[in-house]
Protein backbone atom coordinates (compact mmCIF):
# COMPACT_ATOMS: atom_id res chain seq x y z
CA MET A 1 2.65 41.74 23.97
CA LYS A 2 5.10 39.51 25.84
CA ILE A 3 7.68 37.70 24.38
CA LEU A 4 10.02 35.41 25.99
CA ILE A 5 13.29 34.59 23.76
CA LYS A 6 15.27 31.59 24.71
CA LYS A 7 18.78 31.13 24.45
CA ALA A 8 19.86 33.54 22.26
CA THR A 9 23.63 34.85 22.09
CA VAL A 10 23.89 38.36 22.51
CA LEU A 11 25.45 40.45 19.99
CA ASP A 12 26.12 44.19 21.48
CA ALA A 13 29.47 45.34 21.94
CA ASN A 14 28.06 48.19 24.29
CA SER A 15 25.77 45.52 26.29
CA LYS A 16 27.72 43.54 29.41
CA HIS A 17 26.02 40.15 27.49
CA HIS A 18 27.81 40.88 24.66
CA LYS A 19 29.33 37.17 22.95
CA GLN A 20 26.73 35.71 25.94
CA CYS A 21 23.85 33.08 25.40
CA LYS A 22 20.85 34.42 27.67
CA ASP A 23 17.09 34.39 27.55
CA LEU A 24 15.20 37.87 26.99
CA LEU A 25 11.60 38.61 28.21
CA ILE A 26 10.34 41.38 26.75
CA GLU A 27 6.46 43.04 28.05
CA ASN A 28 5.33 46.09 25.38
CA GLY A 29 8.59 46.69 23.73
CA ILE A 30 10.43 46.91 26.86
CA ILE A 31 13.26 44.39 27.52
CA LEU A 32 12.37 43.20 31.17
CA LYS A 33 14.59 40.90 32.18
CA ILE A 34 17.69 38.98 31.14
CA ASP A 35 19.00 35.84 32.50
CA GLU A 36 19.95 32.66 32.23
CA ASN A 37 16.50 30.43 32.27
CA ILE A 38 13.74 32.53 32.79
CA GLN A 39 10.42 30.75 33.36
CA THR A 40 7.00 32.23 32.63
CA SER A 41 3.78 31.09 31.57
CA ASP A 42 2.09 33.89 29.96
CA ALA A 43 4.89 34.88 26.92
CA GLU A 44 5.07 33.73 23.35
CA VAL A 45 7.90 31.85 22.98
CA PHE A 46 10.77 31.92 20.49
CA GLU A 47 13.26 29.44 20.12
CA ALA A 48 15.44 28.88 17.77
CA GLU A 49 18.69 26.68 16.70
CA ASN A 50 22.09 28.82 16.67
CA LEU A 51 19.93 31.62 17.91
CA HIS A 52 21.59 35.29 18.16
CA VAL A 53 20.31 38.91 18.56
CA SER A 54 21.28 41.80 17.87
CA GLN A 55 20.21 45.51 17.75
CA GLY A 56 17.56 46.22 14.84
CA TRP A 57 19.19 46.17 11.75
CA THR A 58 19.52 49.43 10.04
CA GLU A 59 19.29 49.78 5.61
CA LEU A 60 20.99 53.41 4.78
CA ASN A 61 20.31 52.71 1.35
CA ALA A 62 17.07 51.99 -0.25
CA ARG A 63 13.92 52.74 -2.34
CA PHE A 64 10.35 52.47 -2.15
CA GLY A 65 8.15 53.37 -5.06
CA GLU A 66 5.86 55.67 -3.34
CA PRO A 67 4.84 58.08 -4.36
CA GLY A 68 4.74 57.34 -8.26
CA TYR A 69 5.83 54.27 -8.32
CA GLU A 70 3.59 52.18 -6.35
CA TYR A 71 3.64 49.84 -9.33
CA LYS A 72 6.82 48.42 -9.02
CA GLU A 73 7.20 49.11 -4.60
CA ASP A 74 4.71 50.48 -2.12
CA LEU A 75 5.58 51.32 1.16
CA ASN A 76 3.66 48.55 2.96
CA SER A 77 5.49 46.12 0.44
CA GLY A 78 8.50 48.13 0.81
CA MET A 79 8.04 47.64 4.60
CA SER A 80 7.40 44.21 4.54
CA ALA A 81 10.17 43.18 2.58
CA ALA A 82 12.81 45.07 5.00
CA ALA A 83 10.74 42.99 7.76
CA LYS A 84 11.49 40.20 6.35
CA GLY A 85 15.11 40.69 5.53
CA GLY A 86 15.66 41.86 9.48
CA PHE A 87 15.72 45.52 9.73
CA THR A 88 13.27 47.57 11.99
CA GLN A 89 15.16 50.76 10.53
CA VAL A 90 14.93 52.12 6.56
CA ALA A 91 16.30 55.14 5.34
CA LEU A 92 14.23 55.91 2.25
CA MET A 93 16.12 57.81 -0.70
CA PRO A 94 13.66 60.54 -2.25
CA SER A 95 13.72 59.26 -5.95
CA THR A 96 9.99 58.89 -5.93
CA LYS A 97 7.51 61.46 -8.13
CA PRO A 98 7.50 63.69 -7.46
CA CYS A 99 11.01 63.23 -5.32
CA ILE A 100 11.12 63.98 -1.57
CA GLN A 101 11.94 67.56 -0.80
CA ARG A 102 9.31 69.26 1.20
CA LYS A 103 8.70 69.64 4.88
CA SER A 104 5.77 67.98 3.49
CA ASP A 105 6.96 64.71 2.25
CA VAL A 106 9.70 63.99 5.24
CA ASN A 107 6.38 64.18 7.54
CA PHE A 108 4.68 62.06 5.02
CA LEU A 109 6.75 59.39 5.50
CA THR A 110 7.81 59.06 8.46
CA ASN A 111 3.63 59.67 9.78
CA TYR A 112 3.15 56.33 7.48
CA SER A 113 5.82 53.92 9.50
CA ALA A 114 4.91 55.72 13.17
CA HIS A 115 2.55 52.55 14.00
CA HIS A 116 4.61 49.97 11.91
CA ILE A 117 7.16 47.67 13.00
CA VAL A 118 9.71 49.41 10.81
CA ASN A 119 10.45 52.90 10.94
CA ILE A 120 11.16 54.52 8.09
CA HIS A 121 13.54 57.48 7.66
CA PRO A 122 13.61 59.87 4.44
CA VAL A 123 16.56 61.12 3.39
CA GLY A 124 15.62 64.19 1.27
CA ALA A 125 16.61 65.11 -2.18
CA LEU A 126 19.90 67.56 -2.15
CA THR A 127 18.66 69.51 -5.12
CA GLU A 128 15.10 70.67 -6.71
CA ASP A 129 13.68 67.83 -8.41
CA ARG A 130 17.57 65.86 -8.79
CA LYS A 131 18.25 68.37 -11.30
CA GLY A 132 21.53 69.07 -9.88
CA GLU A 133 20.83 72.87 -10.53
CA GLN A 134 19.15 74.37 -7.24
CA ILE A 135 19.66 73.27 -3.69
CA THR A 136 16.41 71.94 -1.96
CA GLU A 137 15.17 73.70 1.53
CA MET A 138 17.01 71.16 3.27
CA TYR A 139 17.19 72.45 6.89
CA ASP A 140 13.21 72.59 7.11
CA MET A 141 13.40 68.80 5.59
CA HIS A 142 15.75 68.11 8.70
CA LYS A 143 13.73 69.71 11.17
CA ALA A 144 10.65 67.55 9.87
CA GLY A 145 13.18 64.64 10.35
CA ALA A 146 15.27 64.05 7.30
CA VAL A 147 18.49 61.84 8.18
CA ALA A 148 19.91 62.94 5.34
CA PHE A 149 20.29 64.73 1.71
CA SER A 150 21.18 62.97 -1.63
CA ASP A 151 20.04 63.27 -5.28
CA ASP A 152 20.35 59.16 -4.92
CA LYS A 153 21.82 57.99 -8.23
CA ARG A 154 22.67 60.82 -9.71
CA SER A 155 25.68 62.52 -9.00
CA VAL A 156 25.98 66.47 -8.86
CA GLU A 157 27.73 67.62 -11.79
CA ASN A 158 28.26 71.49 -10.67
CA ALA A 159 30.72 71.35 -8.36
CA ASN A 160 30.11 74.83 -7.11
CA VAL A 161 26.43 73.96 -6.03
CA MET A 162 28.25 70.52 -4.29
CA LYS A 163 30.24 73.30 -2.82
CA ILE A 164 26.97 75.21 -1.67
CA ALA A 165 25.52 72.37 -0.49
CA MET A 166 27.95 71.18 1.59
CA LEU A 167 28.56 74.49 3.39
CA TYR A 168 24.86 74.33 3.70
CA ALA A 169 24.37 71.62 5.42
CA LYS A 170 27.32 72.13 7.52
CA ASN A 171 25.12 74.59 9.51
CA PHE A 172 23.07 72.15 10.75
CA ASP A 173 25.15 69.49 11.06
CA GLY A 174 23.50 68.22 8.10
CA LEU A 175 24.59 64.52 6.55
CA ILE A 176 24.82 64.77 2.46
CA MET A 177 25.10 61.43 0.88
CA SER A 178 26.74 61.51 -2.22
CA PHE A 179 27.04 58.83 -5.50
CA SER A 180 29.89 58.96 -7.38
CA SER A 181 29.76 58.30 -11.31
CA GLU A 182 31.02 61.06 -13.51
CA LYS A 183 27.20 61.13 -15.73
CA LYS A 184 29.52 61.90 -19.44
CA THR A 185 32.05 58.85 -18.76
CA THR A 186 29.25 56.26 -17.63
CA GLN A 187 26.05 57.46 -19.80
CA GLN A 188 24.92 54.92 -22.33
CA GLY A 189 27.02 51.90 -20.42
CA GLN A 190 25.64 48.53 -19.30
CA MET A 191 28.00 47.03 -17.43
CA ASN A 192 31.34 47.22 -15.72
CA GLU A 193 34.01 48.40 -18.67
CA GLY A 194 36.82 45.24 -18.70
CA ILE A 195 37.41 42.02 -20.32
CA THR A 196 33.60 40.63 -19.77
CA SER A 197 31.87 43.74 -21.23
CA THR A 198 34.42 43.05 -24.56
CA LYS A 199 33.46 39.61 -24.44
CA LEU A 200 29.99 40.40 -24.55
CA GLY A 201 29.75 43.04 -26.85
CA LEU A 202 28.06 45.35 -23.82
CA LYS A 203 29.04 49.28 -23.87
CA GLY A 204 30.49 49.02 -20.56
CA ILE A 205 30.86 51.50 -17.64
CA PRO A 206 34.33 52.16 -16.34
CA SER A 207 35.89 52.86 -13.02
CA LEU A 208 37.25 55.90 -13.67
CA GLY A 209 33.49 57.35 -13.86
CA GLU A 210 33.36 56.77 -10.15
CA GLU A 211 36.91 57.67 -9.43
CA MET A 212 36.85 60.90 -11.03
CA GLN A 213 33.77 62.01 -9.14
CA LEU A 214 34.66 60.76 -5.43
CA ALA A 215 38.13 62.68 -5.90
CA ARG A 216 36.22 65.86 -6.81
CA ASP A 217 34.04 65.24 -3.51
CA LEU A 218 36.97 64.51 -1.34
CA GLN A 219 38.63 67.74 -2.18
CA LEU A 220 35.49 69.63 -1.67
CA CYS A 221 34.94 67.80 1.57
CA GLU A 222 38.35 68.62 2.14
CA TYR A 223 37.81 72.48 1.57
CA THR A 224 34.34 72.90 2.95
CA ASP A 225 35.00 70.30 6.47
CA ALA A 226 31.55 68.68 5.70
CA LYS A 227 30.34 65.48 6.98
CA VAL A 228 29.90 63.25 3.74
CA HIS A 229 28.89 59.63 3.22
CA PHE A 230 29.87 58.11 0.06
CA SER A 231 26.94 55.80 -1.38
CA THR A 232 27.69 52.37 -3.15
CA ILE A 233 31.68 52.17 -3.49
CA THR A 234 32.54 49.53 -5.64
CA THR A 235 36.18 50.49 -6.96
CA ALA A 236 39.83 49.06 -5.77
CA ALA A 237 40.66 52.89 -6.70
CA SER A 238 38.26 54.24 -4.78
CA VAL A 239 38.54 52.30 -1.52
CA LYS A 240 42.26 53.27 -1.59
CA MET A 241 40.96 57.67 -1.90
CA ILE A 242 38.83 56.73 0.53
CA ARG A 243 41.18 54.82 3.12
CA GLU A 244 43.65 58.40 2.42
CA ALA A 245 41.09 60.94 2.75
CA LYS A 246 40.22 59.30 6.48
CA ASN A 247 43.75 59.05 6.83
CA LYS A 248 43.60 62.71 6.74
CA GLY A 249 41.09 63.54 8.83
CA LEU A 250 38.10 64.23 6.23
CA LYS A 251 34.65 63.85 7.86
CA ILE A 252 33.58 61.02 6.01
CA THR A 253 32.11 57.35 5.88
CA ALA A 254 31.18 55.00 3.14
CA ASP A 255 28.97 51.98 2.24
CA THR A 256 28.96 49.24 -0.36
CA SER A 257 26.32 47.09 -1.25
CA SER A 258 26.08 43.28 -0.05
CA TYR A 259 25.70 42.12 -3.65
CA HIS A 260 28.35 44.15 -4.97
CA LEU A 261 30.51 42.08 -2.05
CA LEU A 262 29.05 38.26 -2.93
CA LEU A 263 28.88 38.84 -7.16
CA ASP A 264 31.60 40.28 -9.63
CA ASP A 265 30.94 41.22 -13.71
CA SER A 266 31.26 38.28 -14.91
CA GLU A 267 28.27 36.56 -13.76
CA LEU A 268 26.26 39.01 -16.70
CA GLU A 269 27.89 36.43 -18.91
CA ARG A 270 24.28 35.02 -18.68
CA PHE A 271 23.02 37.92 -19.73
CA ASP A 272 20.30 38.23 -17.03
CA SER A 273 19.03 41.79 -16.82
CA ASN A 274 18.52 41.57 -12.98
CA LEU A 275 22.13 41.67 -12.92
CA LYS A 276 22.37 45.24 -14.60
CA VAL A 277 22.89 47.51 -11.45
CA ASN A 278 24.09 51.01 -10.66
CA PRO A 279 26.87 51.41 -9.86
CA PRO A 280 27.92 48.10 -11.79
CA LEU A 281 29.04 44.66 -10.55
CA ARG A 282 32.77 45.32 -10.49
CA SER A 283 35.66 42.84 -11.02
CA LYS A 284 36.93 40.36 -8.93
CA LYS A 285 39.69 42.64 -8.18
CA ASP A 286 37.53 45.58 -7.23
CA VAL A 287 35.50 42.77 -5.24
CA LYS A 288 38.80 41.74 -3.21
CA ALA A 289 39.54 45.29 -2.58
CA LEU A 290 36.02 45.61 -1.23
CA LYS A 291 35.98 42.54 1.05
CA LYS A 292 39.20 44.21 2.66
CA ALA A 293 37.58 47.39 3.42
CA VAL A 294 34.91 46.36 5.28
CA LYS A 295 37.17 44.23 7.37
CA ASP A 296 39.68 47.30 7.94
CA GLY A 297 36.80 49.68 8.21
CA THR A 298 37.19 51.95 5.22
CA ILE A 299 33.91 50.91 4.36
CA ASP A 300 31.64 51.59 6.98
CA VAL A 301 28.40 50.25 6.39
CA ILE A 302 27.17 47.41 3.92
CA CYS A 303 23.97 48.70 2.28
CA SER A 304 21.02 46.32 0.33
CA ASP A 305 20.85 49.30 -2.65
CA HIS A 306 17.16 47.91 -2.42
CA TYR A 307 16.04 48.73 -6.13
CA PRO A 308 12.46 47.37 -7.41
CA GLN A 309 11.83 47.47 -11.06
CA ASN A 310 8.80 45.99 -12.64
CA ILE A 311 8.98 43.06 -15.18
CA GLU A 312 8.67 45.37 -17.92
CA SER A 313 11.89 47.72 -17.14
CA LYS A 314 13.79 43.85 -16.73
CA LYS A 315 12.32 41.48 -19.01
CA CYS A 316 13.62 43.21 -22.01
CA GLU A 317 16.47 43.43 -24.40
CA PHE A 318 19.68 43.88 -21.67
CA ASP A 319 20.83 47.54 -23.09
CA LEU A 320 17.12 48.65 -22.71
CA ALA A 321 16.51 47.23 -19.34
CA SER A 322 16.52 49.27 -16.51
CA PHE A 323 19.17 49.15 -13.57
CA GLY A 324 18.51 47.39 -10.15
CA MET A 325 18.24 44.82 -8.08
CA VAL A 326 15.92 44.07 -4.86
CA ASN A 327 18.02 43.13 -2.02
CA LEU A 328 16.31 44.03 1.03
CA GLU A 329 15.37 40.36 1.62
CA THR A 330 18.73 38.98 0.68
CA SER A 331 21.35 41.80 1.96
CA PHE A 332 22.21 40.00 5.49
CA SER A 333 22.43 36.37 3.93
CA ALA A 334 24.63 37.93 0.93
CA ALA A 335 26.54 40.07 3.13
CA ASN A 336 27.35 36.90 5.55
CA THR A 337 27.76 34.42 2.62
CA ALA A 338 30.40 36.86 0.59
CA LEU A 339 32.19 37.74 4.27
CA LYS A 340 32.47 34.45 6.32
CA GLU A 341 35.44 33.80 5.36
CA GLU A 342 37.40 37.00 5.96
CA LEU A 343 35.02 38.41 9.06
CA SER A 344 33.39 37.01 12.13
CA ILE A 345 29.54 37.73 12.71
CA GLU A 346 30.41 39.93 15.42
CA GLU A 347 32.71 42.20 12.92
CA ILE A 348 29.50 41.92 10.56
CA ILE A 349 27.16 43.07 12.73
CA PRO A 350 27.85 46.16 13.87
CA LYS A 351 28.19 47.09 10.32
CA LEU A 352 24.37 46.81 9.80
CA THR A 353 23.49 47.99 13.47
CA SER A 354 25.22 50.83 15.98
CA ILE A 355 27.71 52.14 12.56
CA PRO A 356 24.49 53.17 10.37
CA ARG A 357 22.36 54.31 13.22
CA LYS A 358 25.57 56.40 13.91
CA ILE A 359 25.96 57.94 10.33
CA LEU A 360 22.11 58.61 10.40
CA GLY A 361 22.12 60.64 14.09
CA LEU A 362 19.56 57.51 15.10
CA GLU A 363 19.38 56.71 19.07
CA THR A 364 21.67 53.59 19.74
CA THR A 365 19.68 50.73 21.36
CA ILE A 366 21.42 48.50 24.05
CA ILE A 367 20.28 44.55 24.71
CA GLU A 368 20.22 45.73 28.48
CA GLU A 369 16.94 45.34 31.41
CA GLY A 370 14.81 48.57 30.64
CA ALA A 371 15.73 49.27 27.48
CA PHE A 372 13.28 49.47 24.33
CA ALA A 373 13.54 46.13 22.06
CA ASP A 374 14.61 46.88 18.90
CA LEU A 375 15.66 43.71 17.99
CA THR A 376 17.01 41.44 14.87
CA LEU A 377 17.05 37.99 15.64
CA PHE A 378 19.11 35.31 13.50
CA ASP A 379 20.96 32.79 12.85
CA PRO A 380 24.45 33.38 10.97
CA GLU A 381 25.12 29.28 10.19
CA LEU A 382 21.86 28.67 8.15
CA LYS A 383 21.92 27.39 5.08
CA TRP A 384 18.57 28.38 2.40
CA LYS A 385 18.24 29.30 -1.12
CA LEU A 386 16.14 32.12 -1.98
CA ASP A 387 12.61 30.87 -3.59
CA LYS A 388 11.40 33.67 -6.03
CA SER A 389 7.96 32.88 -5.39
CA GLU A 390 8.27 33.76 -1.30
CA ILE A 391 10.05 37.39 -1.93
CA VAL A 392 7.22 39.80 -0.68
CA SER A 393 8.60 43.13 -2.32
CA LYS A 394 6.38 43.59 -5.10
CA SER A 395 9.11 43.61 -7.59
CA LYS A 396 10.73 40.41 -8.13
CA ASN A 397 14.01 41.36 -9.93
CA THR A 398 16.82 39.81 -8.36
CA ALA A 399 19.30 37.41 -9.52
CA LEU A 400 19.76 35.98 -6.51
CA ALA A 401 17.07 33.26 -6.64
CA GLY A 402 18.47 29.81 -6.27
CA LYS A 403 21.43 31.02 -4.71
CA GLU A 404 22.42 29.25 -1.28
CA PHE A 405 23.25 31.44 1.11
CA THR A 406 24.72 31.45 4.82
CA GLY A 407 22.78 33.17 7.57
CA LYS A 408 19.38 34.04 7.48
CA ALA A 409 17.10 36.56 10.14
CA LEU A 410 14.47 34.73 11.49
CA ALA A 411 12.49 37.17 13.49
CA ILE A 412 12.03 41.34 14.54
CA LEU A 413 10.86 43.31 17.57
CA ASN A 414 10.33 46.81 17.27
CA ASN A 415 7.78 49.59 17.90
CA GLY A 416 5.88 46.76 20.66
CA GLN A 417 5.75 44.11 17.86
CA PHE A 418 7.13 41.09 16.83
CA VAL A 419 7.36 39.33 13.48
CA LYS A 420 8.94 36.07 12.59
CA CYS A 421 10.80 36.69 8.84
CA GLN A 422 9.78 33.02 7.62
C-alpha cells in the first residue's frame, strides 16, 4: 500500500513539521517522505480542503458488547465505529458478560484486533465480576497487555478494597481507572438533580454523589501514592478537587466526555431517553467549569464514553431506559464544536493523541520520516450534520442526530492500512 497525502497541516508538537503544510508519502505503514510537493505516479492520492494530520486518535473510555452483549455492539461494529470517528487506538472497558478479568480474556481482545486498522487495548476488571469485593489478578492481565483496571460504571464501595487495589497496582506501575459515583446517593436517579429535574418530575442524581466518591478516592491516592485516572468527571466541585490534588502532587489524571462539554441538563426537557447517560448531563455552570478545566489541563483527556444500547433499552418509559450514548463516531466533532471558541485545534488534538497514550502507557508515535504511520486525517472547520442512517455502530442510541457539528475525521492510517471515514 502506497498513499500520498497532499497539502496537510501537521499537528504534532514533537515533530519538526508541526503546524506546517506538507505532503506525506506512506508505503507499507511507514512514512517514507515529508516534503513541500511530492510527486509520484504509483500511489493512491488523498487530498481535501483544509486537510490536517495528527497522530492517530486514542480513545480511553469505550465499550463494545462482545462477549455477552453482541446485540448492542460487537468487536467488528465497534472497531468500524472507531475508525469512522477517526480513532486508531481504543481502550475497552471490561463491562462485558463475562467481564474481562482473566489473562485469557485480555489475550482474546488483543489478538482479535491484531490485524485490524484499529488496535484494541483491554482494560481489565478491578474486582472479581466487578462486584467490588475481591481484587482480580491484575498483574497477570497487565503482563498479557491490559492497559488499566476498572470496574467501569461501578464505583468500589469498600474503601479498604480500593486501598488494597491501589497498593497492589503500584507494585507494577499499573493504572487504576476510577468512576466516581457514590451508590446510595445516586441510586434510582434519572438525570442531574437541579431545576430541570424538578420541573420534569424526575428523580435527580446529585453532584454530591460524584464528589463524595471522588473525595474518598483522592484521599486514598494520597495515602497510597498510587497512580489513578478518574473517568468522566462532570461537576465544577469535582474539577476544583482534582485541580487542588494535582497542585499537591498526586499522581492523578482525569477525563470528561465530549458530550458533557457540548450538552447540559436542560436538553432533557425533550424527554429523549438517549440523553439519559451516566454520569448525567450537568448544569450550564458545570459545563463552563469543565471547559475551563480542559483548557488549563486539570482535565487531561476528552473521551467518547461510547456506550451502545439496543432499541429496546431506550425506546421505553424514561425511568426504565438504560443509561448510555454511542459517541465514537461523533466524539471529536462534539468536542471541537463545544470548545472551538475556548481552545485552538492545536490545544484540542493532544487531548485525543499524545496525552491519552501517555496515560495508558502506549507508544507515542511521531510524524517524521521513517516513523510508523499511525495517523488521523481531518478537517477542523468542516460543517456537517449527523444522519442516524449513516451510523455504523450496531446501536443507534444517540441524541446528536441532526445536530450541526464543526470538524470531522476524514481518514485514518494504521497497521499498514488506510480507511476513509466518509
